[in-house]
Amino acid sequence: MFKLRQFHFKSLLILALVASLALVVLGGCQGRPGASSGSGQEQVVWEGWTVIKDSYVDTNSLDSEQVAGHIIVGMLDAAEKPHYPFLSDMSDFRGRPPRSVPEGFDDVWRAWQLFLQTWPEVDPAVLADAALTSMMASLETGDRVSSYLNEEDYQRSQEDEREVSYQGVGAVMSMEDGKLTIVSLMSDAPAARAGLQRNDVILEVDGVPVGDSEISESTSNIRGPSGSRVTFLIQRPTETEPREVSITRGNVNVPTVDMSLLPSSVGYMYIQAFYDHTLDEVLDVLETFNELETLGMVLDLRSNQTGSLELARDVAAQFVTDGLFAYQIDNEQVRTDLHLQEGGGSGVLDQEVKLVVLVNEGTAEAAEALAGALQDAGRGVVMGDPTRGRGSTNSYVTLSNGGALYFPTSYWFTPSGRAISGEGILPDISASLSQEDLLMNRDSQLQRAYEYLDQSLPAFR
């Protein structure tokens, strides 16, 4: 009798243990009650991290735990939820992540499950966008070159890259120290006719304050149909109080090259960006200079930070006939050379024409590679300020949610082996705009370049 009862007691104990283990197993699949449903949106976050691990140029520098921390905080901030006690509750969360969760992202999965349980009213798509945005921000060291674009912003970016004309105000803007700043104005465009100037800071657009995050967010209200009006609140460096400027939008052509003739047989060419039609514009200007037998030329690359490396290579081939233009190294240390002869150049500009290349802190990417190639080849004197140091091949990788990641997949080097990314191009002759120059709207850098050429050229010209 005793033995029979003992058997029954042991059986009940075993059944109780089995039931407890079953609950633990279920907890491993579900987490806390209500956390099992998920949303599927987290999968695009795992997808994004896999893309970064495979292709990001600095793969060895990635720290998954650090990135995970950024993602969790970014999700909380995007949903405007308190960090505590949420972060401490994560340590008590029971559950084992599924195999699809990338290594090092267990805490992100726990945070995601706990988030949906604690605040089920939050749209999981908002969490996914916040997670991807924070993931890309965590990769940044120095100048921002990595970002996440949702489906709408990605489609808009692709349209912008294809456009050679648009309806808007005709001003090139850039985020400088968190301020939306006008870096150049298109000639005879609405912004120039309304009196806007280079270095004006835009504080508000139609009464909406400009943010300091992404330039796409800050400029979303600037474009609009031709004939409509937009009002800027600007701060001019020469003035103590902001002023309002109203502009009627128009159809703006997007030329990338401007030119003028300076005294004493000196030509001036400004390249704003490197687009598909840039080479044709450059050739027209250089042929004009050759016909006029110019003896010196200023190539202005200041605030040029847009366009492809290949197009800049094609422009360089009009100044130097052969040789290496630049090379790239990817995350597997594979080197790819870009040679000038591949650009089909023939050295259109007479090799006897003396050249000064103007650069500043706004000169970036392809323009830096062009300045570095001409400097290494000894073809021209680089003058101005050190450039931005943003030389990399940046690629869009689309995700299953229609958005895209934009990040560097290789770093660029000049022919002599100087790193452009992070280092920039150092000028041969330093020439900076002073505060007085800015106040007087005076271009002393261009004046210095002209004086250098004027002193170098024959006196009898």
Protein backbone atom coordinates (compact mmCIF):
# COMPACT_ATOMS: atom_id res chain seq x y z
CA MET A 1 0.00 0.00 0.00
CA PHE A 2 2.77 2.30 0.94
CA LYS A 3 4.62 1.53 -2.27
CA LEU A 4 1.56 2.14 -4.38
CA ARG A 5 0.90 5.52 -2.81
CA GLN A 6 4.58 6.41 -3.27
CA PHE A 7 4.30 5.55 -6.93
CA HIS A 8 1.28 7.78 -7.35
CA PHE A 9 3.04 10.65 -5.56
CA LYS A 10 6.08 10.37 -7.78
CA SER A 11 3.86 10.22 -10.87
CA LEU A 12 2.05 13.39 -9.82
CA LEU A 13 5.38 15.09 -9.14
CA ILE A 14 6.65 14.11 -12.59
CA LEU A 15 3.44 15.37 -14.22
CA ALA A 16 3.80 18.66 -12.37
CA LEU A 17 7.41 19.01 -13.54
CA VAL A 18 6.40 18.21 -17.12
CA ALA A 19 3.66 20.84 -16.94
CA SER A 20 6.16 23.38 -15.62
CA LEU A 21 8.63 22.56 -18.39
CA ALA A 22 5.84 22.93 -20.94
CA LEU A 23 5.13 26.42 -19.64
CA VAL A 24 8.82 27.30 -19.88
CA VAL A 25 8.96 26.00 -23.45
CA LEU A 26 5.85 27.96 -24.33
CA GLY A 27 7.42 30.98 -22.69
CA GLY A 28 10.46 30.49 -24.90
CA CYS A 29 8.21 30.78 -27.91
CA GLN A 30 5.87 33.43 -26.59
CA GLY A 31 7.55 35.48 -23.89
CA ARG A 32 4.95 36.98 -21.58
CA PRO A 33 1.21 36.63 -22.24
CA GLY A 34 0.21 38.83 -25.15
CA ALA A 35 3.74 38.99 -26.56
CA SER A 36 3.47 35.99 -28.83
CA SER A 37 1.63 37.58 -31.74
CA GLY A 38 4.44 39.88 -32.87
CA SER A 39 3.82 41.78 -36.07
CA GLY A 40 6.24 40.55 -38.72
CA GLN A 41 7.62 44.08 -38.99
CA GLU A 42 10.65 43.11 -36.92
CA GLN A 43 11.80 40.88 -39.79
CA VAL A 44 12.81 43.92 -41.85
CA VAL A 45 15.06 44.99 -38.96
CA TRP A 46 16.84 41.62 -39.02
CA GLU A 47 17.03 41.95 -42.82
CA GLY A 48 18.63 45.39 -42.54
CA TRP A 49 21.30 44.22 -40.09
CA THR A 50 22.16 41.28 -42.36
CA VAL A 51 22.65 43.70 -45.26
CA ILE A 52 24.97 45.87 -43.15
CA LYS A 53 26.99 42.89 -41.96
CA ASP A 54 27.46 41.74 -45.57
CA SER A 55 28.27 45.02 -47.33
CA TYR A 56 29.15 47.88 -44.96
CA VAL A 57 32.67 49.08 -45.70
CA ASP A 58 33.76 49.05 -42.05
CA THR A 59 32.39 45.61 -41.15
CA ASN A 60 35.16 44.97 -38.62
CA SER A 61 34.13 48.03 -36.61
CA LEU A 62 30.53 46.85 -36.11
CA ASP A 63 29.49 46.21 -32.51
CA SER A 64 26.12 44.44 -32.47
CA GLU A 65 25.52 45.10 -28.76
CA GLN A 66 26.16 48.82 -29.18
CA VAL A 67 23.90 48.94 -32.25
CA ALA A 68 21.20 47.02 -30.36
CA GLY A 69 21.30 49.60 -27.58
CA HIS A 70 20.82 52.42 -30.09
CA ILE A 71 17.89 50.60 -31.66
CA ILE A 72 16.05 50.04 -28.36
CA VAL A 73 16.45 53.67 -27.28
CA GLY A 74 15.44 54.83 -30.77
CA MET A 75 12.22 52.77 -30.62
CA LEU A 76 11.30 54.27 -27.25
CA ASP A 77 12.06 57.81 -28.40
CA ALA A 78 10.12 57.45 -31.66
CA ALA A 79 7.04 56.23 -29.77
CA GLU A 80 7.60 58.87 -27.06
CA LYS A 81 7.67 56.25 -24.31
CA PRO A 82 9.69 56.41 -21.06
CA HIS A 83 12.97 54.53 -20.87
CA TYR A 84 12.27 53.33 -17.34
CA PRO A 85 10.99 51.00 -16.04
CA PHE A 86 10.91 49.51 -19.57
CA LEU A 87 14.68 48.92 -19.77
CA SER A 88 14.79 47.28 -16.34
CA ASP A 89 11.73 45.15 -17.17
CA MET A 90 13.60 43.72 -20.14
CA SER A 91 15.90 41.80 -17.80
CA ASP A 92 12.87 39.97 -16.36
CA PHE A 93 11.42 39.09 -19.74
CA ARG A 94 11.20 35.30 -20.24
CA GLY A 95 11.67 33.90 -23.68
CA ARG A 96 14.13 32.61 -26.23
CA PRO A 97 14.49 34.45 -29.56
CA PRO A 98 13.76 32.48 -32.74
CA ARG A 99 16.60 31.49 -35.03
CA SER A 100 15.84 34.32 -37.45
CA VAL A 101 17.10 36.89 -34.91
CA PRO A 102 20.69 37.92 -35.79
CA GLU A 103 23.49 37.24 -33.35
CA GLY A 104 23.76 40.01 -30.79
CA PHE A 105 20.16 41.17 -31.32
CA ASP A 106 18.50 39.10 -28.60
CA ASP A 107 17.80 42.23 -26.55
CA VAL A 108 16.20 43.93 -29.55
CA TRP A 109 13.86 40.97 -29.94
CA ARG A 110 12.99 41.05 -26.20
CA ALA A 111 12.41 44.80 -26.38
CA TRP A 112 10.18 44.36 -29.43
CA GLN A 113 8.01 41.72 -27.72
CA LEU A 114 7.79 43.69 -24.49
CA PHE A 115 6.99 46.86 -26.44
CA LEU A 116 4.03 45.27 -28.22
CA GLN A 117 2.76 43.89 -24.91
CA THR A 118 3.15 47.15 -22.99
CA TRP A 119 1.95 49.53 -25.70
CA PRO A 120 -0.13 47.56 -28.21
CA GLU A 121 -1.47 50.79 -29.69
CA VAL A 122 1.90 51.66 -31.25
CA ASP A 123 2.13 50.87 -34.97
CA PRO A 124 4.81 48.16 -35.47
CA ALA A 125 5.76 49.82 -38.79
CA VAL A 126 6.73 52.94 -36.80
CA LEU A 127 8.92 50.77 -34.58
CA ALA A 128 10.59 49.19 -37.61
CA ASP A 129 11.34 52.59 -39.16
CA ALA A 130 12.70 53.85 -35.83
CA ALA A 131 14.86 50.74 -35.40
CA LEU A 132 16.35 51.02 -38.89
CA THR A 133 16.94 54.77 -38.50
CA SER A 134 18.75 54.22 -35.20
CA MET A 135 20.72 51.32 -36.63
CA MET A 136 22.12 53.50 -39.40
CA ALA A 137 22.77 56.43 -37.04
CA SER A 138 24.83 54.13 -34.81
CA LEU A 139 27.24 53.50 -37.69
CA GLU A 140 28.21 57.15 -37.90
CA THR A 141 31.62 58.48 -37.04
CA GLY A 142 32.05 62.07 -38.16
CA ASP A 143 30.18 63.23 -41.23
CA ARG A 144 26.85 61.51 -41.82
CA VAL A 145 26.90 59.23 -44.85
CA SER A 146 24.59 56.41 -43.70
CA SER A 147 20.82 56.61 -43.43
CA TYR A 148 17.54 54.74 -43.67
CA LEU A 149 14.86 56.01 -46.05
CA ASN A 150 11.28 54.84 -45.80
CA GLU A 151 9.46 53.94 -49.01
CA GLU A 152 8.22 57.48 -49.69
CA ASP A 153 11.58 59.15 -49.05
CA TYR A 154 13.41 56.53 -51.10
CA GLN A 155 11.15 57.03 -54.11
CA ARG A 156 11.60 60.80 -53.80
CA SER A 157 15.38 60.45 -53.64
CA GLN A 158 15.40 58.41 -56.84
CA GLU A 159 13.26 61.01 -58.60
CA ASP A 160 15.55 63.81 -57.42
CA GLU A 161 18.64 62.05 -58.79
CA ARG A 162 17.03 61.70 -62.22
CA GLU A 163 15.78 65.27 -62.48
CA VAL A 164 17.48 67.91 -64.62
CA SER A 165 14.70 70.41 -63.90
CA TYR A 166 12.15 70.80 -61.14
CA GLN A 167 9.58 73.18 -59.73
CA GLY A 168 10.92 75.06 -56.74
CA VAL A 169 13.08 78.02 -55.73
CA GLY A 170 16.48 77.18 -57.26
CA ALA A 171 18.75 77.10 -54.20
CA VAL A 172 21.25 74.42 -53.20
CA MET A 173 21.06 73.78 -49.46
CA SER A 174 23.07 71.75 -47.00
CA MET A 175 22.97 70.97 -43.29
CA GLU A 176 25.97 72.83 -41.85
CA ASP A 177 26.43 72.37 -38.09
CA GLY A 178 22.75 71.53 -37.74
CA LYS A 179 21.65 74.60 -39.70
CA LEU A 180 19.95 74.50 -43.11
CA THR A 181 22.28 76.77 -45.07
CA ILE A 182 22.20 78.03 -48.66
CA VAL A 183 25.47 76.97 -50.27
CA SER A 184 24.76 78.25 -53.79
CA LEU A 185 22.05 79.84 -55.92
CA MET A 186 21.10 79.01 -59.48
CA SER A 187 21.40 82.03 -61.73
CA ASP A 188 18.10 83.72 -62.61
CA ALA A 189 16.16 81.30 -60.39
CA PRO A 190 13.37 82.47 -58.02
CA ALA A 191 15.60 82.38 -54.91
CA ALA A 192 18.26 84.59 -56.49
CA ARG A 193 15.64 87.03 -57.83
CA ALA A 194 14.09 87.27 -54.36
CA GLY A 195 17.43 88.34 -52.89
CA LEU A 196 18.54 85.22 -51.04
CA GLN A 197 22.30 84.93 -50.66
CA ARG A 198 24.91 82.26 -50.11
CA ASN A 199 25.37 81.43 -46.38
CA ASP A 200 21.82 82.52 -45.48
CA VAL A 201 20.45 80.17 -42.80
CA ILE A 202 16.84 79.08 -43.18
CA LEU A 203 15.10 79.09 -39.80
CA GLU A 204 11.50 78.46 -40.87
CA VAL A 205 9.59 77.41 -43.97
CA ASP A 206 6.02 78.74 -44.08
CA GLY A 207 6.13 79.19 -40.32
CA VAL A 208 7.38 75.66 -39.60
CA PRO A 209 10.76 75.58 -37.79
CA VAL A 210 13.54 73.76 -39.59
CA GLY A 211 14.70 70.62 -37.81
CA ASP A 212 18.29 69.52 -37.32
CA SER A 213 17.89 65.84 -38.24
CA GLU A 214 17.57 64.94 -41.90
CA ILE A 215 17.71 67.51 -44.70
CA SER A 216 14.86 65.69 -46.49
CA GLU A 217 12.57 66.46 -43.56
CA SER A 218 13.59 70.10 -43.48
CA THR A 219 13.17 70.72 -47.20
CA SER A 220 9.98 68.74 -47.79
CA ASN A 221 7.88 71.92 -47.88
CA ILE A 222 10.24 73.98 -50.04
CA ARG A 223 9.36 72.44 -53.37
CA GLY A 224 5.93 73.04 -54.86
CA PRO A 225 4.09 73.81 -58.08
CA SER A 226 5.24 76.69 -60.25
CA GLY A 227 3.38 79.89 -59.34
CA SER A 228 2.80 78.97 -55.69
CA ARG A 229 4.51 80.91 -52.92
CA VAL A 230 6.73 79.88 -50.04
CA THR A 231 7.95 82.10 -47.20
CA PHE A 232 11.33 81.65 -45.52
CA LEU A 233 12.47 83.07 -42.22
CA ILE A 234 16.21 83.50 -42.75
CA GLN A 235 19.17 84.61 -40.69
CA ARG A 236 21.83 86.43 -42.68
CA PRO A 237 25.37 86.45 -41.21
CA THR A 238 25.58 90.22 -41.76
CA GLU A 239 22.37 90.96 -39.83
CA THR A 240 21.37 90.66 -36.20
CA GLU A 241 17.65 89.99 -36.71
CA PRO A 242 15.98 87.34 -38.90
CA ARG A 243 13.98 88.48 -41.92
CA GLU A 244 11.13 87.02 -43.94
CA VAL A 245 11.56 86.41 -47.66
CA SER A 246 8.60 85.33 -49.82
CA ILE A 247 9.38 83.55 -53.09
CA THR A 248 7.17 82.55 -56.00
CA ARG A 249 8.20 79.07 -57.10
CA GLY A 250 9.04 78.47 -60.73
CA ASN A 251 10.35 75.86 -63.14
CA VAL A 252 14.06 75.65 -62.39
CA ASN A 253 16.54 74.21 -64.84
CA VAL A 254 19.47 72.53 -63.16
CA PRO A 255 22.68 73.50 -64.94
CA THR A 256 25.75 72.12 -63.23
CA VAL A 257 28.43 74.34 -64.79
CA ASP A 258 28.85 78.09 -64.82
CA MET A 259 31.64 80.10 -66.44
CA SER A 260 32.99 83.61 -66.88
CA LEU A 261 36.04 85.32 -68.33
CA LEU A 262 38.34 87.12 -65.92
CA PRO A 263 40.82 89.84 -66.97
CA SER A 264 44.17 89.00 -68.54
CA SER A 265 43.25 85.75 -70.31
CA VAL A 266 42.02 83.86 -67.24
CA GLY A 267 38.94 81.65 -67.45
CA TYR A 268 36.67 80.70 -64.57
CA MET A 269 34.54 77.52 -64.41
CA TYR A 270 32.33 76.48 -61.51
CA ILE A 271 31.08 72.88 -61.32
CA GLN A 272 28.18 72.53 -58.91
CA ALA A 273 27.65 68.76 -59.25
CA PHE A 274 28.47 65.79 -61.46
CA TYR A 275 25.36 64.71 -63.35
CA ASP A 276 24.90 62.96 -66.68
CA HIS A 277 24.96 66.22 -68.65
CA THR A 278 27.88 67.77 -66.71
CA LEU A 279 30.56 66.52 -69.09
CA ASP A 280 28.85 68.14 -72.10
CA GLU A 281 28.69 71.45 -70.22
CA VAL A 282 32.35 71.18 -69.23
CA LEU A 283 33.40 70.46 -72.82
CA ASP A 284 31.51 73.51 -74.08
CA VAL A 285 33.29 75.74 -71.56
CA LEU A 286 36.75 74.29 -72.21
CA GLU A 287 36.37 74.64 -75.97
CA THR A 288 35.42 78.28 -75.43
CA PHE A 289 38.52 78.83 -73.31
CA ASN A 290 40.70 77.19 -75.98
CA GLU A 291 39.19 79.34 -78.73
CA LEU A 292 39.90 82.46 -76.67
CA GLU A 293 43.43 81.21 -75.95
CA THR A 294 43.12 81.57 -72.20
CA LEU A 295 46.42 81.11 -70.40
CA GLY A 296 45.08 80.37 -66.93
CA MET A 297 41.96 78.83 -65.45
CA VAL A 298 40.21 78.64 -62.08
CA LEU A 299 38.30 75.39 -61.57
CA ASP A 300 35.87 76.05 -58.71
CA LEU A 301 34.72 72.92 -56.85
CA ARG A 302 33.59 74.67 -53.69
CA SER A 303 30.44 73.22 -52.08
CA ASN A 304 30.27 70.54 -54.78
CA GLN A 305 29.09 67.42 -52.96
CA THR A 306 26.85 65.61 -55.45
CA GLY A 307 27.39 63.17 -58.30
CA SER A 308 29.17 59.99 -59.28
CA LEU A 309 32.86 59.14 -59.15
CA GLU A 310 32.79 57.94 -62.77
CA LEU A 311 31.46 61.29 -64.03
CA ALA A 312 34.14 63.16 -62.07
CA ARG A 313 36.70 60.82 -63.67
CA ASP A 314 35.39 61.78 -67.12
CA VAL A 315 35.83 65.46 -66.27
CA ALA A 316 39.37 64.85 -64.98
CA ALA A 317 40.23 63.23 -68.31
CA GLN A 318 39.76 66.62 -69.97
CA PHE A 319 42.65 68.00 -67.92
CA VAL A 320 44.98 64.97 -67.73
CA THR A 321 45.24 62.52 -70.62
CA ASP A 322 46.10 59.26 -68.83
CA GLY A 323 46.98 57.60 -65.55
CA LEU A 324 45.13 56.53 -62.44
CA PHE A 325 42.22 58.73 -61.32
CA ALA A 326 41.42 57.00 -58.00
CA TYR A 327 40.96 53.57 -56.49
CA GLN A 328 38.44 51.99 -54.14
CA ILE A 329 38.79 49.38 -51.38
CA ASP A 330 35.75 47.46 -50.11
CA ASN A 331 35.05 45.62 -46.84
CA GLU A 332 36.92 42.55 -48.09
CA GLN A 333 39.98 44.66 -48.95
CA VAL A 334 39.43 44.20 -52.68
CA ARG A 335 40.92 47.09 -54.66
CA THR A 336 39.29 48.51 -57.81
CA ASP A 337 41.21 51.03 -59.95
CA LEU A 338 39.62 53.77 -62.03
CA HIS A 339 41.91 54.86 -64.85
CA LEU A 340 41.58 58.13 -66.71
CA GLN A 341 41.75 56.52 -70.14
CA GLU A 342 38.60 54.58 -69.29
CA GLY A 343 36.79 57.91 -69.25
CA GLY A 344 37.53 58.49 -72.92
CA GLY A 345 39.27 61.78 -72.24
CA SER A 346 41.59 63.53 -74.64
CA GLY A 347 42.87 66.37 -72.51
CA VAL A 348 40.64 69.00 -74.12
CA LEU A 349 42.20 71.83 -72.11
CA ASP A 350 45.60 72.81 -73.47
CA GLN A 351 48.24 71.35 -71.14
CA GLU A 352 50.05 74.69 -71.07
CA VAL A 353 47.07 76.40 -69.40
CA LYS A 354 47.88 76.96 -65.72
CA LEU A 355 45.21 75.67 -63.36
CA VAL A 356 44.04 76.56 -59.86
CA VAL A 357 41.47 74.29 -58.21
CA LEU A 358 39.35 76.00 -55.54
CA VAL A 359 38.00 73.84 -52.69
CA ASN A 360 36.40 74.40 -49.30
CA GLU A 361 34.87 72.45 -46.42
CA GLY A 362 31.77 71.90 -48.56
CA THR A 363 33.74 70.11 -51.28
CA ALA A 364 32.89 66.43 -50.90
CA GLU A 365 32.81 63.01 -52.51
CA ALA A 366 33.42 63.03 -56.30
CA ALA A 367 34.68 66.63 -56.23
CA GLU A 368 37.28 65.65 -53.63
CA ALA A 369 38.43 62.79 -55.85
CA LEU A 370 38.78 65.18 -58.80
CA ALA A 371 40.78 67.70 -56.75
CA GLY A 372 43.00 64.92 -55.39
CA ALA A 373 43.65 63.43 -58.82
CA LEU A 374 44.66 66.78 -60.34
CA GLN A 375 46.84 67.49 -57.31
CA ASP A 376 48.61 64.10 -57.48
CA ALA A 377 49.16 64.51 -61.23
CA GLY A 378 50.72 67.93 -60.67
CA ARG A 379 48.21 69.37 -63.12
CA GLY A 380 46.97 72.15 -60.89
CA VAL A 381 47.45 73.97 -57.60
CA VAL A 382 44.73 73.25 -55.04
CA MET A 383 43.74 76.32 -53.06
CA GLY A 384 41.23 77.05 -50.31
CA ASP A 385 40.21 75.09 -47.20
CA PRO A 386 40.55 71.37 -46.40
CA THR A 387 37.69 69.43 -47.99
CA ARG A 388 34.94 67.49 -46.23
CA GLY A 389 36.57 64.04 -46.22
CA ARG A 390 33.58 62.10 -47.44
CA GLY A 391 35.09 59.94 -50.16
CA SER A 392 33.23 56.66 -50.43
CA THR A 393 30.97 54.70 -52.71
CA ASN A 394 27.54 54.96 -51.12
CA SER A 395 24.94 52.45 -52.22
CA TYR A 396 21.18 52.10 -51.85
CA VAL A 397 20.02 48.62 -50.82
CA THR A 398 16.26 48.17 -50.96
CA LEU A 399 14.40 46.29 -48.24
CA SER A 400 11.26 44.19 -48.29
CA ASN A 401 9.18 47.06 -46.82
CA GLY A 402 9.94 49.29 -49.83
CA GLY A 403 12.46 51.41 -47.94
CA ALA A 404 16.22 51.42 -48.44
CA LEU A 405 19.49 51.62 -46.56
CA TYR A 406 22.09 54.08 -47.82
CA PHE A 407 25.63 53.47 -46.63
CA PRO A 408 29.29 53.33 -47.78
CA THR A 409 30.41 50.09 -49.41
CA SER A 410 33.97 51.15 -50.29
CA TYR A 411 36.46 53.91 -49.45
CA TRP A 412 38.25 56.05 -52.02
CA PHE A 413 41.93 56.86 -52.32
CA THR A 414 43.85 59.27 -54.53
CA PRO A 415 46.38 57.84 -57.04
CA SER A 416 49.20 58.34 -54.54
CA GLY A 417 47.30 56.38 -51.86
CA ARG A 418 45.89 59.20 -49.75
CA ALA A 419 42.60 58.31 -48.04
CA ILE A 420 39.83 60.74 -48.98
CA SER A 421 37.27 59.48 -46.47
CA GLY A 422 37.88 61.05 -43.08
CA GLU A 423 41.01 62.85 -44.30
CA GLY A 424 39.86 65.05 -47.16
CA ILE A 425 42.13 66.91 -49.56
CA LEU A 426 44.53 69.41 -48.05
CA PRO A 427 45.11 72.49 -50.24
CA ASP A 428 48.56 73.36 -51.52
CA ILE A 429 47.80 76.99 -50.65
CA SER A 430 45.54 77.79 -47.72
CA ALA A 431 42.98 80.53 -48.37
CA SER A 432 39.94 80.95 -46.13
CA LEU A 433 37.04 83.34 -46.22
CA SER A 434 37.24 85.70 -43.25
CA GLN A 435 34.30 86.94 -41.21
CA GLU A 436 34.75 90.29 -42.93
CA ASP A 437 34.51 88.56 -46.33
CA LEU A 438 31.21 86.99 -45.30
CA LEU A 439 29.88 90.27 -43.96
CA MET A 440 30.83 92.08 -47.18
CA ASN A 441 29.69 89.16 -49.40
CA ARG A 442 33.21 89.22 -50.86
CA ASP A 443 34.89 86.21 -52.46
CA SER A 444 38.52 86.60 -51.37
CA GLN A 445 39.29 82.96 -52.26
CA LEU A 446 38.51 83.56 -55.93
CA GLN A 447 40.47 86.82 -55.78
CA ARG A 448 43.47 84.96 -54.32
CA ALA A 449 43.26 82.32 -57.07
CA TYR A 450 43.16 85.01 -59.77
CA GLU A 451 46.11 86.87 -58.25
CA TYR A 452 48.13 83.64 -58.13
CA LEU A 453 47.50 83.02 -61.83
CA ASP A 454 48.07 86.65 -62.73
CA GLN A 455 51.50 86.56 -61.11
CA SER A 456 52.39 83.22 -62.73
CA LEU A 457 51.47 84.12 -66.30
CA PRO A 458 53.65 86.11 -68.74
CA ALA A 459 53.46 89.87 -68.26
CA PHE A 460 53.15 90.57 -72.00
CA ARG A 461 49.79 88.81 -72.49
